[in-house]
Amino acid sequence: MAKLLIVEARFYDHLNDLLLEGARAAIEAAGHKHETITVPGALEIPGAVALAAESGLYDGFVALGVVIRGETYHFEIVAGESARGLMALSMDGLAIGNGILTTEDEAQALTRARKTEKDKGGEAAKAALAMMALKARFG
């Protein structure tokens, strides 16, 4: 049984609750354990994953958050840099599922977050599990 860490940027509580529901359900359905930690925003997720990875306590990681386009360029920075940070960590050998939603509006985020629709939280957890299996295979 593996242990995964869900790292969530809890900015939109109602959307994060939906993402967490999907991620937790997918991990539990696969027979694994999980813990959840919260960070201030999506930009802090890669740093938290890196710090947690150093502990050796986790086999995989699920990144969850929601970034909705606003009126400034900040959206581009947050979306791009959080994804870049997670990709760099996965290239270093960490098993990570990226469930950080980047949407134009709340309606798009709701569709992607709901378990009954796109279930991006569940998909991110399944991606982390798949990467864990690859890591075990190639050791």
Foldseek 3Di string as FASTA:
>chain_A
DFEEEEEEQCPPPVLVVLLVVQQVVLQVVVPYHYDYDYDNHLLCVLVVVVVVVVVVRGLAYEYEEEQEDDDDCVLVVSVVNSVVSVVVVVVVPHQWFYLYHYYHDVVVSVQCRHPVHNSSSNVSNVSSVVSSVVSVVVD
